[in-house]
Amino acid sequence: MKIPKTSRPQESTERAEPDSNLNDPIFGEVSATADTQGDEIGEPVQERRGFIKFLCAFIGTLISVVPFGAGVWAYLDPLAKREGEDGDGFIKVTTLDAIPADGSPAKFSVVADKVDAWNRFTNVSIGAVYLRLVDGVPKALHTVCPHLGCFVDYRSGNNDFFCPCHNSNFKLDGSIVTGVSPRAMDPLEIRIRNKTEVWVKFQNFQPGHSHAVPVS
């Protein structure tokens, strides 16, 4: 018995033609118009983002600069804002009757209310002075050695001032006797107010100089 031969379906040799609409002039114009509109929309968005970045950077810089500037001012003029002064740099230290009448020096703390850029501190010790009476007139000397800034002690047994750091010693008037200090002890200006109040113009000086250089 013969099996009839079946014919295979002929494979289509036709290839898909590319969509002619893609090359259509109208479609091309629509696509170009859409691209142009997209660019026009994107430009304002980019501008807004750039402005926001600039604004954030500006605010951040401002926040950083304000406390920095305040800190610099407080550092450069640490004693500029003090209360307890009379507006001319003088600070009330003690009264005449508290200074020994025999001419020996006594050490007094210099106390004032201090205000910096952020805080207020009351009754802060900002230094110390030696006071003594010379013919009934008070004299003041800074307690810091002019050599390297160590504190000078009063030795009652020797009746002199002595710096324990490098063995410099001074007379009661502050003049140097022996040692490595480049200058005498620093005198401070005094004023008597209300008959008995002792006011001292307190200031610090840079160590290591042959002459007194105030700390700014």
N, C-alpha and C. Protein backbone atom coordinates (compact mmCIF):
# COMPACT_ATOMS: atom_id res chain seq x y z
N MET A 1 0.85 -1.18 0.00
CA MET A 1 0.00 0.00 0.00
C MET A 1 0.88 1.23 0.00
N LYS A 2 0.62 2.07 -0.87
CA LYS A 2 1.44 3.28 -0.99
C LYS A 2 0.84 4.41 -0.18
N ILE A 3 1.77 5.03 0.56
CA ILE A 3 1.34 6.21 1.36
C ILE A 3 1.52 7.43 0.51
N PRO A 4 0.47 8.16 0.37
CA PRO A 4 0.60 9.34 -0.50
C PRO A 4 1.55 10.34 0.12
N LYS A 5 2.32 10.93 -0.71
CA LYS A 5 3.26 11.95 -0.28
C LYS A 5 2.52 13.24 0.03
N THR A 6 2.92 13.80 1.24
CA THR A 6 2.31 15.09 1.61
C THR A 6 3.31 16.19 1.31
N SER A 7 2.78 17.18 0.79
CA SER A 7 3.66 18.31 0.43
C SER A 7 3.87 19.20 1.65
N ARG A 8 5.13 19.56 1.91
CA ARG A 8 5.45 20.47 3.03
C ARG A 8 4.99 21.87 2.69
N PRO A 9 4.49 22.52 3.72
CA PRO A 9 4.11 23.93 3.45
C PRO A 9 5.33 24.74 3.13
N GLN A 10 5.19 25.50 2.16
CA GLN A 10 6.30 26.33 1.73
C GLN A 10 6.54 27.46 2.76
N GLU A 11 7.82 27.49 3.11
CA GLU A 11 8.20 28.53 4.05
C GLU A 11 8.07 29.89 3.37
N SER A 12 7.56 30.73 4.17
CA SER A 12 7.38 32.08 3.63
C SER A 12 8.74 32.73 3.46
N THR A 13 8.96 33.15 2.29
CA THR A 13 10.23 33.81 1.99
C THR A 13 10.12 35.32 2.08
N GLU A 14 8.90 35.71 2.43
CA GLU A 14 8.71 37.16 2.51
C GLU A 14 9.23 37.67 3.84
N ARG A 15 9.94 38.68 3.80
CA ARG A 15 10.45 39.33 5.01
C ARG A 15 9.56 40.51 5.35
N ALA A 16 9.56 40.72 6.71
CA ALA A 16 8.71 41.84 7.17
C ALA A 16 9.30 43.15 6.70
N GLU A 17 8.42 43.87 6.13
CA GLU A 17 8.85 45.18 5.66
C GLU A 17 8.91 46.14 6.85
N PRO A 18 9.96 46.95 6.96
CA PRO A 18 10.02 47.95 8.04
C PRO A 18 8.85 48.90 7.94
N ASP A 19 8.41 49.28 9.14
CA ASP A 19 7.25 50.16 9.20
C ASP A 19 7.58 51.47 8.52
N SER A 20 6.85 51.68 7.48
CA SER A 20 7.13 52.88 6.70
C SER A 20 6.74 54.15 7.46
N ASN A 21 5.91 53.95 8.55
CA ASN A 21 5.47 55.14 9.29
C ASN A 21 6.62 55.83 10.02
N LEU A 22 7.68 54.99 10.33
CA LEU A 22 8.81 55.57 11.05
C LEU A 22 9.51 56.60 10.20
N ASN A 23 9.45 56.36 8.89
CA ASN A 23 10.09 57.30 7.99
C ASN A 23 9.14 58.37 7.49
N ASP A 24 7.93 58.31 8.02
CA ASP A 24 6.94 59.27 7.57
C ASP A 24 7.32 60.68 8.02
N PRO A 25 7.27 61.64 7.17
CA PRO A 25 7.65 63.02 7.54
C PRO A 25 6.85 63.56 8.71
N ILE A 26 5.58 63.21 8.78
CA ILE A 26 4.73 63.72 9.85
C ILE A 26 5.16 63.15 11.19
N PHE A 27 5.44 61.82 11.20
CA PHE A 27 5.87 61.17 12.45
C PHE A 27 7.19 61.76 12.94
N GLY A 28 8.10 62.02 12.00
CA GLY A 28 9.38 62.62 12.37
C GLY A 28 9.21 63.99 12.98
N GLU A 29 8.29 64.77 12.43
CA GLU A 29 8.05 66.10 12.98
C GLU A 29 7.49 66.01 14.38
N VAL A 30 6.56 65.06 14.61
CA VAL A 30 5.98 64.89 15.95
C VAL A 30 7.03 64.50 16.95
N SER A 31 7.92 63.56 16.56
CA SER A 31 8.99 63.11 17.47
C SER A 31 9.94 64.24 17.81
N ALA A 32 10.32 65.03 16.82
CA ALA A 32 11.22 66.15 17.06
C ALA A 32 10.58 67.17 17.97
N THR A 33 9.26 67.40 17.76
CA THR A 33 8.54 68.36 18.62
C THR A 33 8.51 67.89 20.06
N ALA A 34 8.29 66.58 20.25
CA ALA A 34 8.27 66.03 21.62
C ALA A 34 9.62 66.18 22.29
N ASP A 35 10.71 65.93 21.54
CA ASP A 35 12.05 66.08 22.12
C ASP A 35 12.31 67.52 22.52
N THR A 36 11.88 68.45 21.65
CA THR A 36 12.09 69.87 21.95
C THR A 36 11.33 70.28 23.20
N GLN A 37 10.08 69.81 23.32
CA GLN A 37 9.29 70.14 24.49
C GLN A 37 9.93 69.56 25.75
N GLY A 38 10.50 68.34 25.65
CA GLY A 38 11.17 67.72 26.80
C GLY A 38 12.35 68.53 27.25
N ASP A 39 13.12 69.05 26.29
CA ASP A 39 14.27 69.88 26.65
C ASP A 39 13.83 71.16 27.34
N GLU A 40 12.71 71.76 26.78
CA GLU A 40 12.22 73.00 27.36
C GLU A 40 11.73 72.79 28.79
N ILE A 41 11.13 71.64 29.08
CA ILE A 41 10.64 71.34 30.43
C ILE A 41 11.81 71.06 31.37
N GLY A 42 12.86 70.38 30.85
CA GLY A 42 13.99 70.00 31.69
C GLY A 42 14.83 71.17 32.13
N GLU A 43 14.92 72.22 31.30
CA GLU A 43 15.78 73.35 31.65
C GLU A 43 15.31 74.06 32.92
N PRO A 44 14.01 74.39 33.11
CA PRO A 44 13.59 75.03 34.37
C PRO A 44 13.84 74.14 35.58
N VAL A 45 13.66 72.84 35.45
CA VAL A 45 13.89 71.93 36.57
C VAL A 45 15.35 71.98 36.99
N GLN A 46 16.25 71.96 36.00
CA GLN A 46 17.68 72.03 36.31
C GLN A 46 18.03 73.37 36.96
N GLU A 47 17.40 74.45 36.48
CA GLU A 47 17.65 75.76 37.08
C GLU A 47 17.19 75.81 38.53
N ARG A 48 16.00 75.22 38.82
CA ARG A 48 15.51 75.20 40.20
C ARG A 48 16.43 74.38 41.09
N ARG A 49 16.90 73.24 40.59
CA ARG A 49 17.81 72.42 41.39
C ARG A 49 19.10 73.17 41.68
N GLY A 50 19.62 73.88 40.67
CA GLY A 50 20.85 74.65 40.88
C GLY A 50 20.66 75.74 41.91
N PHE A 51 19.50 76.41 41.87
CA PHE A 51 19.24 77.47 42.85
C PHE A 51 19.12 76.91 44.26
N ILE A 52 18.47 75.76 44.40
CA ILE A 52 18.31 75.14 45.72
C ILE A 52 19.67 74.75 46.29
N LYS A 53 20.55 74.19 45.43
CA LYS A 53 21.89 73.83 45.88
C LYS A 53 22.65 75.07 46.34
N PHE A 54 22.55 76.15 45.58
CA PHE A 54 23.22 77.40 45.95
C PHE A 54 22.69 77.94 47.27
N LEU A 55 21.37 77.89 47.44
CA LEU A 55 20.77 78.40 48.67
C LEU A 55 21.21 77.60 49.88
N CYS A 56 21.26 76.27 49.74
CA CYS A 56 21.71 75.41 50.84
C CYS A 56 23.16 75.70 51.20
N ALA A 57 23.99 75.86 50.16
CA ALA A 57 25.41 76.15 50.42
C ALA A 57 25.57 77.50 51.12
N PHE A 58 24.78 78.48 50.70
CA PHE A 58 24.88 79.81 51.30
C PHE A 58 24.46 79.78 52.77
N ILE A 59 23.35 79.09 53.07
CA ILE A 59 22.88 79.00 54.45
C ILE A 59 23.90 78.26 55.31
N GLY A 60 24.46 77.17 54.78
CA GLY A 60 25.48 76.44 55.53
C GLY A 60 26.69 77.27 55.83
N THR A 61 27.13 78.06 54.85
CA THR A 61 28.29 78.93 55.06
C THR A 61 27.98 79.99 56.11
N LEU A 62 26.77 80.56 56.06
CA LEU A 62 26.38 81.59 57.02
C LEU A 62 26.34 81.04 58.43
N ILE A 63 25.81 79.83 58.59
CA ILE A 63 25.74 79.21 59.91
C ILE A 63 27.13 78.96 60.47
N SER A 64 28.08 78.64 59.60
CA SER A 64 29.45 78.37 60.06
C SER A 64 30.20 79.65 60.38
N VAL A 65 29.96 80.70 59.59
CA VAL A 65 30.75 81.93 59.74
C VAL A 65 30.37 82.70 60.99
N VAL A 66 29.08 82.72 61.35
CA VAL A 66 28.62 83.54 62.48
C VAL A 66 29.29 83.12 63.79
N PRO A 67 29.22 81.83 64.20
CA PRO A 67 29.91 81.47 65.45
C PRO A 67 31.42 81.59 65.35
N PHE A 68 31.97 81.35 64.15
CA PHE A 68 33.42 81.49 63.99
C PHE A 68 33.85 82.93 64.22
N GLY A 69 33.10 83.88 63.64
CA GLY A 69 33.44 85.28 63.84
C GLY A 69 33.31 85.69 65.30
N ALA A 70 32.27 85.17 65.96
CA ALA A 70 32.11 85.49 67.38
C ALA A 70 33.25 84.92 68.20
N GLY A 71 33.69 83.71 67.86
CA GLY A 71 34.82 83.11 68.56
C GLY A 71 36.10 83.88 68.36
N VAL A 72 36.32 84.35 67.15
CA VAL A 72 37.52 85.15 66.88
C VAL A 72 37.50 86.43 67.69
N TRP A 73 36.34 87.09 67.75
CA TRP A 73 36.24 88.33 68.52
C TRP A 73 36.51 88.06 70.00
N ALA A 74 35.94 86.96 70.53
CA ALA A 74 36.16 86.65 71.94
C ALA A 74 37.62 86.34 72.21
N TYR A 75 38.31 85.72 71.23
CA TYR A 75 39.72 85.39 71.41
C TYR A 75 40.60 86.63 71.35
N LEU A 76 40.32 87.50 70.40
CA LEU A 76 41.16 88.68 70.22
C LEU A 76 40.97 89.71 71.33
N ASP A 77 39.79 89.74 71.95
CA ASP A 77 39.53 90.74 72.98
C ASP A 77 38.86 90.08 74.18
N PRO A 78 39.57 89.15 74.85
CA PRO A 78 38.93 88.34 75.90
C PRO A 78 38.48 89.13 77.11
N LEU A 79 39.09 90.29 77.36
CA LEU A 79 38.71 91.07 78.53
C LEU A 79 37.94 92.32 78.16
N ALA A 80 37.52 92.40 76.89
CA ALA A 80 36.86 93.63 76.45
C ALA A 80 35.49 93.80 77.09
N LYS A 81 34.80 92.68 77.31
CA LYS A 81 33.45 92.76 77.86
C LYS A 81 33.48 92.28 79.31
N ARG A 82 33.75 93.20 80.22
CA ARG A 82 33.79 92.87 81.64
C ARG A 82 32.93 93.87 82.38
N GLU A 83 32.28 93.38 83.38
CA GLU A 83 31.52 94.25 84.26
C GLU A 83 32.26 94.28 85.59
N GLY A 84 32.10 95.37 86.35
CA GLY A 84 32.90 95.57 87.53
C GLY A 84 33.94 96.64 87.24
N GLU A 85 34.00 97.06 85.98
CA GLU A 85 34.88 98.16 85.59
C GLU A 85 34.08 99.46 85.61
N ASP A 86 34.80 100.53 85.48
CA ASP A 86 34.14 101.84 85.43
C ASP A 86 34.22 102.44 84.04
N GLY A 87 34.39 101.57 83.02
CA GLY A 87 34.42 102.04 81.65
C GLY A 87 35.77 102.47 81.17
N ASP A 88 36.78 102.51 82.06
CA ASP A 88 38.11 102.96 81.67
C ASP A 88 39.17 101.89 81.90
N GLY A 89 38.74 100.66 82.14
CA GLY A 89 39.66 99.55 82.34
C GLY A 89 40.05 99.31 83.78
N PHE A 90 39.64 100.16 84.70
CA PHE A 90 39.98 99.99 86.10
C PHE A 90 38.96 99.08 86.79
N ILE A 91 39.45 98.21 87.66
CA ILE A 91 38.61 97.25 88.37
C ILE A 91 38.83 97.43 89.87
N LYS A 92 37.75 97.45 90.61
CA LYS A 92 37.87 97.56 92.06
C LYS A 92 38.44 96.27 92.62
N VAL A 93 39.55 96.40 93.38
CA VAL A 93 40.23 95.22 93.91
C VAL A 93 40.01 95.08 95.42
N THR A 94 40.19 96.15 96.16
CA THR A 94 40.05 96.09 97.61
C THR A 94 39.90 97.50 98.15
N THR A 95 40.11 97.64 99.46
CA THR A 95 40.10 98.96 100.11
C THR A 95 41.45 99.19 100.79
N LEU A 96 41.74 100.42 101.10
CA LEU A 96 43.04 100.77 101.66
C LEU A 96 43.32 100.05 102.97
N ASP A 97 42.31 99.87 103.80
CA ASP A 97 42.55 99.27 105.11
C ASP A 97 42.88 97.78 105.03
N ALA A 98 42.71 97.15 103.83
CA ALA A 98 43.04 95.73 103.68
C ALA A 98 44.51 95.52 103.33
N ILE A 99 45.23 96.58 102.97
CA ILE A 99 46.65 96.47 102.61
C ILE A 99 47.48 96.62 103.89
N PRO A 100 48.45 95.72 104.09
CA PRO A 100 49.27 95.81 105.33
C PRO A 100 49.90 97.18 105.49
N ALA A 101 49.83 97.70 106.70
CA ALA A 101 50.35 99.05 106.97
C ALA A 101 51.86 99.07 107.11
N ASP A 102 52.50 97.88 107.30
CA ASP A 102 53.95 97.84 107.50
C ASP A 102 54.74 97.86 106.19
N GLY A 103 54.07 97.95 105.07
CA GLY A 103 54.76 98.03 103.79
C GLY A 103 55.02 96.69 103.13
N SER A 104 54.64 95.59 103.78
CA SER A 104 54.80 94.28 103.15
C SER A 104 53.70 94.07 102.11
N PRO A 105 54.03 93.35 101.03
CA PRO A 105 53.03 93.15 99.97
C PRO A 105 52.00 92.10 100.34
N ALA A 106 50.83 92.28 99.79
CA ALA A 106 49.75 91.31 99.95
C ALA A 106 49.16 91.00 98.58
N LYS A 107 48.78 89.77 98.42
CA LYS A 107 48.25 89.32 97.13
C LYS A 107 46.73 89.40 97.13
N PHE A 108 46.18 90.01 96.06
CA PHE A 108 44.73 90.16 95.94
C PHE A 108 44.28 89.63 94.57
N SER A 109 43.17 88.93 94.58
CA SER A 109 42.58 88.46 93.32
C SER A 109 41.86 89.61 92.63
N VAL A 110 41.90 89.60 91.32
CA VAL A 110 41.16 90.58 90.52
C VAL A 110 39.92 89.87 90.00
N VAL A 111 38.76 90.33 90.45
CA VAL A 111 37.50 89.65 90.16
C VAL A 111 36.59 90.59 89.37
N ALA A 112 35.94 90.03 88.35
CA ALA A 112 35.02 90.82 87.53
C ALA A 112 33.97 89.90 86.94
N ASP A 113 32.88 90.49 86.49
CA ASP A 113 31.87 89.75 85.73
C ASP A 113 32.29 89.78 84.27
N LYS A 114 32.40 88.61 83.69
CA LYS A 114 32.91 88.50 82.32
C LYS A 114 31.80 88.03 81.39
N VAL A 115 31.69 88.70 80.26
CA VAL A 115 30.68 88.37 79.26
C VAL A 115 31.38 88.13 77.93
N ASP A 116 31.18 86.90 77.37
CA ASP A 116 31.74 86.63 76.04
C ASP A 116 30.60 86.63 75.04
N ALA A 117 30.86 86.04 73.87
CA ALA A 117 29.86 86.09 72.80
C ALA A 117 28.58 85.34 73.15
N TRP A 118 28.67 84.35 74.05
CA TRP A 118 27.51 83.48 74.30
C TRP A 118 27.08 83.44 75.76
N ASN A 119 27.99 83.70 76.71
CA ASN A 119 27.69 83.46 78.10
C ASN A 119 28.05 84.65 78.97
N ARG A 120 27.50 84.63 80.17
CA ARG A 120 27.80 85.63 81.19
C ARG A 120 28.28 84.89 82.43
N PHE A 121 29.47 85.28 82.92
CA PHE A 121 30.05 84.66 84.10
C PHE A 121 30.23 85.74 85.16
N THR A 122 29.72 85.48 86.36
CA THR A 122 29.80 86.47 87.44
C THR A 122 30.93 86.12 88.40
N ASN A 123 31.58 87.17 88.91
CA ASN A 123 32.65 87.04 89.91
C ASN A 123 33.73 86.05 89.47
N VAL A 124 34.27 86.29 88.29
CA VAL A 124 35.32 85.44 87.74
C VAL A 124 36.68 86.04 88.07
N SER A 125 37.60 85.22 88.57
CA SER A 125 38.96 85.69 88.83
C SER A 125 39.72 85.75 87.51
N ILE A 126 40.14 86.94 87.13
CA ILE A 126 40.84 87.10 85.85
C ILE A 126 42.34 87.34 86.05
N GLY A 127 42.80 87.28 87.31
CA GLY A 127 44.21 87.47 87.59
C GLY A 127 44.41 87.86 89.04
N ALA A 128 45.62 88.31 89.34
CA ALA A 128 45.94 88.71 90.71
C ALA A 128 47.03 89.79 90.68
N VAL A 129 47.10 90.55 91.76
CA VAL A 129 48.10 91.61 91.89
C VAL A 129 48.68 91.60 93.29
N TYR A 130 49.90 92.10 93.41
CA TYR A 130 50.50 92.37 94.72
C TYR A 130 50.31 93.85 95.02
N LEU A 131 49.76 94.16 96.19
CA LEU A 131 49.58 95.54 96.62
C LEU A 131 50.40 95.77 97.90
N ARG A 132 51.04 96.91 97.96
CA ARG A 132 51.75 97.30 99.19
C ARG A 132 51.72 98.82 99.30
N LEU A 133 51.88 99.30 100.53
CA LEU A 133 51.86 100.73 100.79
C LEU A 133 53.29 101.26 100.86
N VAL A 134 53.55 102.31 100.11
CA VAL A 134 54.84 102.99 100.13
C VAL A 134 54.57 104.43 100.55
N ASP A 135 54.94 104.74 101.79
CA ASP A 135 54.64 106.06 102.36
C ASP A 135 53.15 106.36 102.31
N GLY A 136 52.37 105.33 102.56
CA GLY A 136 50.92 105.48 102.59
C GLY A 136 50.25 105.44 101.23
N VAL A 137 51.04 105.31 100.17
CA VAL A 137 50.48 105.29 98.81
C VAL A 137 50.53 103.85 98.28
N PRO A 138 49.41 103.30 97.81
CA PRO A 138 49.42 101.92 97.32
C PRO A 138 50.14 101.78 95.98
N LYS A 139 50.88 100.68 95.84
CA LYS A 139 51.55 100.33 94.59
C LYS A 139 51.10 98.92 94.20
N ALA A 140 51.05 98.69 92.90
CA ALA A 140 50.57 97.39 92.40
C ALA A 140 51.59 96.79 91.45
N LEU A 141 51.80 95.47 91.59
CA LEU A 141 52.65 94.71 90.69
C LEU A 141 51.89 93.48 90.22
N HIS A 142 52.10 93.12 88.95
CA HIS A 142 51.50 91.90 88.41
C HIS A 142 52.18 90.69 89.05
N THR A 143 51.41 89.63 89.26
CA THR A 143 51.94 88.43 89.92
C THR A 143 52.62 87.47 88.98
N VAL A 144 52.64 87.76 87.67
CA VAL A 144 53.20 86.85 86.68
C VAL A 144 54.63 87.27 86.34
N CYS A 145 55.53 86.28 86.30
CA CYS A 145 56.93 86.55 85.98
C CYS A 145 57.07 86.94 84.50
N PRO A 146 57.83 87.98 84.19
CA PRO A 146 58.00 88.41 82.80
C PRO A 146 58.82 87.45 81.94
N HIS A 147 59.41 86.43 82.56
CA HIS A 147 60.24 85.51 81.79
C HIS A 147 59.39 84.58 80.92
N LEU A 148 58.69 83.64 81.58
CA LEU A 148 57.87 82.68 80.83
C LEU A 148 56.43 82.58 81.35
N GLY A 149 56.06 83.50 82.24
CA GLY A 149 54.67 83.54 82.68
C GLY A 149 54.35 82.72 83.91
N CYS A 150 55.36 82.29 84.68
CA CYS A 150 55.10 81.59 85.93
C CYS A 150 54.63 82.59 86.99
N PHE A 151 54.01 82.08 88.05
CA PHE A 151 53.55 82.97 89.12
C PHE A 151 54.69 83.24 90.09
N VAL A 152 54.81 84.50 90.48
CA VAL A 152 55.86 84.94 91.39
C VAL A 152 55.35 84.85 92.83
N ASP A 153 56.19 84.31 93.72
CA ASP A 153 55.84 84.19 95.14
C ASP A 153 56.49 85.32 95.95
N TYR A 154 55.81 85.68 97.02
CA TYR A 154 56.43 86.61 97.98
C TYR A 154 57.05 85.78 99.11
N ARG A 155 58.35 86.00 99.37
CA ARG A 155 59.03 85.28 100.44
C ARG A 155 59.22 86.26 101.62
N SER A 156 58.42 86.05 102.62
CA SER A 156 58.48 86.96 103.77
C SER A 156 59.81 86.85 104.51
N GLY A 157 60.42 85.64 104.51
CA GLY A 157 61.69 85.47 105.20
C GLY A 157 62.80 86.28 104.54
N ASN A 158 62.79 86.36 103.23
CA ASN A 158 63.80 87.14 102.48
C ASN A 158 63.31 88.55 102.13
N ASN A 159 62.02 88.75 102.36
CA ASN A 159 61.39 90.04 102.03
C ASN A 159 61.64 90.41 100.56
N ASP A 160 61.37 89.42 99.69
CA ASP A 160 61.53 89.67 98.26
C ASP A 160 60.52 88.83 97.48
N PHE A 161 60.51 89.02 96.17
CA PHE A 161 59.69 88.20 95.27
C PHE A 161 60.59 87.17 94.60
N PHE A 162 60.02 85.97 94.40
CA PHE A 162 60.83 84.88 93.86
C PHE A 162 60.00 84.08 92.86
N CYS A 163 60.60 83.81 91.69
CA CYS A 163 59.95 82.95 90.69
C CYS A 163 60.56 81.56 90.79
N PRO A 164 59.79 80.55 91.18
CA PRO A 164 60.34 79.21 91.38
C PRO A 164 60.67 78.47 90.09
N CYS A 165 60.20 78.98 88.95
CA CYS A 165 60.43 78.25 87.70
C CYS A 165 61.90 78.30 87.26
N HIS A 166 62.49 79.51 87.32
CA HIS A 166 63.87 79.66 86.85
C HIS A 166 64.70 80.51 87.80
N ASN A 167 64.27 80.56 89.08
CA ASN A 167 65.05 81.17 90.17
C ASN A 167 65.37 82.64 89.96
N SER A 168 64.43 83.36 89.40
CA SER A 168 64.58 84.82 89.33
C SER A 168 63.99 85.42 90.60
N ASN A 169 64.68 86.39 91.17
CA ASN A 169 64.11 87.07 92.33
C ASN A 169 64.16 88.58 92.14
N PHE A 170 63.20 89.24 92.79
CA PHE A 170 62.98 90.68 92.58
C PHE A 170 62.86 91.37 93.93
N LYS A 171 63.19 92.66 93.94
CA LYS A 171 62.98 93.48 95.13
C LYS A 171 61.50 93.77 95.30
N LEU A 172 61.15 94.38 96.41
CA LEU A 172 59.74 94.69 96.67
C LEU A 172 59.18 95.70 95.68
N ASP A 173 60.04 96.51 95.10
CA ASP A 173 59.55 97.46 94.11
C ASP A 173 59.45 96.83 92.71
N GLY A 174 59.79 95.54 92.61
CA GLY A 174 59.67 94.82 91.35
C GLY A 174 60.93 94.75 90.53
N SER A 175 61.95 95.51 90.90
CA SER A 175 63.20 95.49 90.13
C SER A 175 63.89 94.13 90.29
N ILE A 176 64.56 93.69 89.22
CA ILE A 176 65.17 92.36 89.23
C ILE A 176 66.51 92.39 89.96
N VAL A 177 66.75 91.34 90.74
CA VAL A 177 68.01 91.19 91.46
C VAL A 177 68.91 90.20 90.73
N THR A 178 68.44 88.98 90.59
CA THR A 178 69.18 87.95 89.85
C THR A 178 68.18 87.11 89.07
N GLY A 179 68.70 86.38 88.09
CA GLY A 179 67.85 85.47 87.34
C GLY A 179 67.79 85.79 85.86
N VAL A 180 66.93 85.07 85.17
CA VAL A 180 66.87 85.15 83.70
C VAL A 180 65.72 86.01 83.20
N SER A 181 64.97 86.61 84.09
CA SER A 181 63.86 87.45 83.64
C SER A 181 64.38 88.61 82.79
N PRO A 182 63.79 88.87 81.65
CA PRO A 182 64.29 89.94 80.76
C PRO A 182 63.93 91.34 81.23
N ARG A 183 63.04 91.46 82.21
CA ARG A 183 62.66 92.79 82.70
C ARG A 183 62.14 92.67 84.14
N ALA A 184 61.91 93.81 84.75
CA ALA A 184 61.37 93.83 86.11
C ALA A 184 59.92 93.38 86.10
N MET A 185 59.40 93.16 87.29
CA MET A 185 57.97 92.83 87.39
C MET A 185 57.14 93.99 86.85
N ASP A 186 56.00 93.66 86.26
CA ASP A 186 55.18 94.67 85.57
C ASP A 186 54.33 95.44 86.58
N PRO A 187 54.53 96.77 86.66
CA PRO A 187 53.67 97.59 87.53
C PRO A 187 52.32 97.84 86.87
N LEU A 188 51.31 98.09 87.68
CA LEU A 188 49.96 98.37 87.21
C LEU A 188 49.49 99.69 87.80
N GLU A 189 48.71 100.41 87.02
CA GLU A 189 48.22 101.72 87.44
C GLU A 189 47.12 101.57 88.49
N ILE A 190 47.15 102.47 89.47
CA ILE A 190 46.18 102.44 90.57
C ILE A 190 45.47 103.79 90.67
N ARG A 191 44.21 103.72 91.05
CA ARG A 191 43.44 104.93 91.38
C ARG A 191 42.65 104.69 92.67
N ILE A 192 42.57 105.72 93.49
CA ILE A 192 41.78 105.65 94.72
C ILE A 192 40.47 106.37 94.48
N ARG A 193 39.38 105.69 94.72
CA ARG A 193 38.05 106.26 94.51
C ARG A 193 37.22 106.14 95.78
N ASN A 194 36.36 107.11 95.95
CA ASN A 194 35.51 107.16 97.15
C ASN A 194 36.36 107.11 98.42
N LYS A 195 37.54 107.70 98.33
CA LYS A 195 38.48 107.87 99.46
C LYS A 195 39.18 106.58 99.90
N THR A 196 38.54 105.43 99.80
CA THR A 196 39.15 104.21 100.34
C THR A 196 39.24 103.06 99.33
N GLU A 197 38.54 103.17 98.21
CA GLU A 197 38.50 102.05 97.25
C GLU A 197 39.76 102.06 96.38
N VAL A 198 40.38 100.87 96.25
CA VAL A 198 41.57 100.71 95.42
C VAL A 198 41.16 100.08 94.09
N TRP A 199 41.32 100.83 93.01
CA TRP A 199 40.98 100.37 91.67
C TRP A 199 42.28 100.19 90.88
N VAL A 200 42.40 99.06 90.21
CA VAL A 200 43.61 98.73 89.45
C VAL A 200 43.26 98.57 87.98
N LYS A 201 44.08 99.15 87.14
CA LYS A 201 43.92 98.93 85.69
C LYS A 201 44.65 97.64 85.33
N PHE A 202 43.90 96.55 85.40
CA PHE A 202 44.52 95.24 85.23
C PHE A 202 44.65 94.88 83.75
N GLN A 203 45.83 94.39 83.40
CA GLN A 203 46.08 93.89 82.05
C GLN A 203 47.22 92.90 82.10
N ASN A 204 47.24 92.00 81.14
CA ASN A 204 48.31 91.01 81.02
C ASN A 204 49.34 91.48 80.00
N PHE A 205 50.56 90.96 80.16
CA PHE A 205 51.65 91.35 79.27
C PHE A 205 52.32 90.09 78.70
N GLN A 206 52.85 90.23 77.51
CA GLN A 206 53.52 89.10 76.86
C GLN A 206 54.85 88.82 77.56
N PRO A 207 55.14 87.56 77.85
CA PRO A 207 56.43 87.23 78.48
C PRO A 207 57.55 87.21 77.44
N GLY A 208 58.78 87.28 77.96
CA GLY A 208 59.95 87.12 77.10
C GLY A 208 60.47 88.39 76.45
N HIS A 209 59.84 89.55 76.69
CA HIS A 209 60.29 90.81 76.08
C HIS A 209 61.04 91.65 77.11
N SER A 210 61.95 92.45 76.64
CA SER A 210 62.71 93.33 77.52
C SER A 210 61.88 94.52 78.00
N HIS A 211 60.76 94.77 77.32
CA HIS A 211 59.84 95.83 77.73
C HIS A 211 58.42 95.27 77.73
N ALA A 212 57.55 95.90 78.47
CA ALA A 212 56.20 95.39 78.63
C ALA A 212 55.39 95.56 77.34
N VAL A 213 54.84 94.45 76.85
CA VAL A 213 54.00 94.44 75.65
C VAL A 213 52.63 93.91 76.05
N PRO A 214 51.60 94.76 76.11
CA PRO A 214 50.28 94.30 76.53
C PRO A 214 49.73 93.22 75.61
N VAL A 215 49.02 92.28 76.22
CA VAL A 215 48.32 91.26 75.45
C VAL A 215 47.07 91.90 74.88
N SER A 216 46.90 91.86 73.55
CA SER A 216 45.75 92.50 72.92
C SER A 216 44.52 91.63 73.05
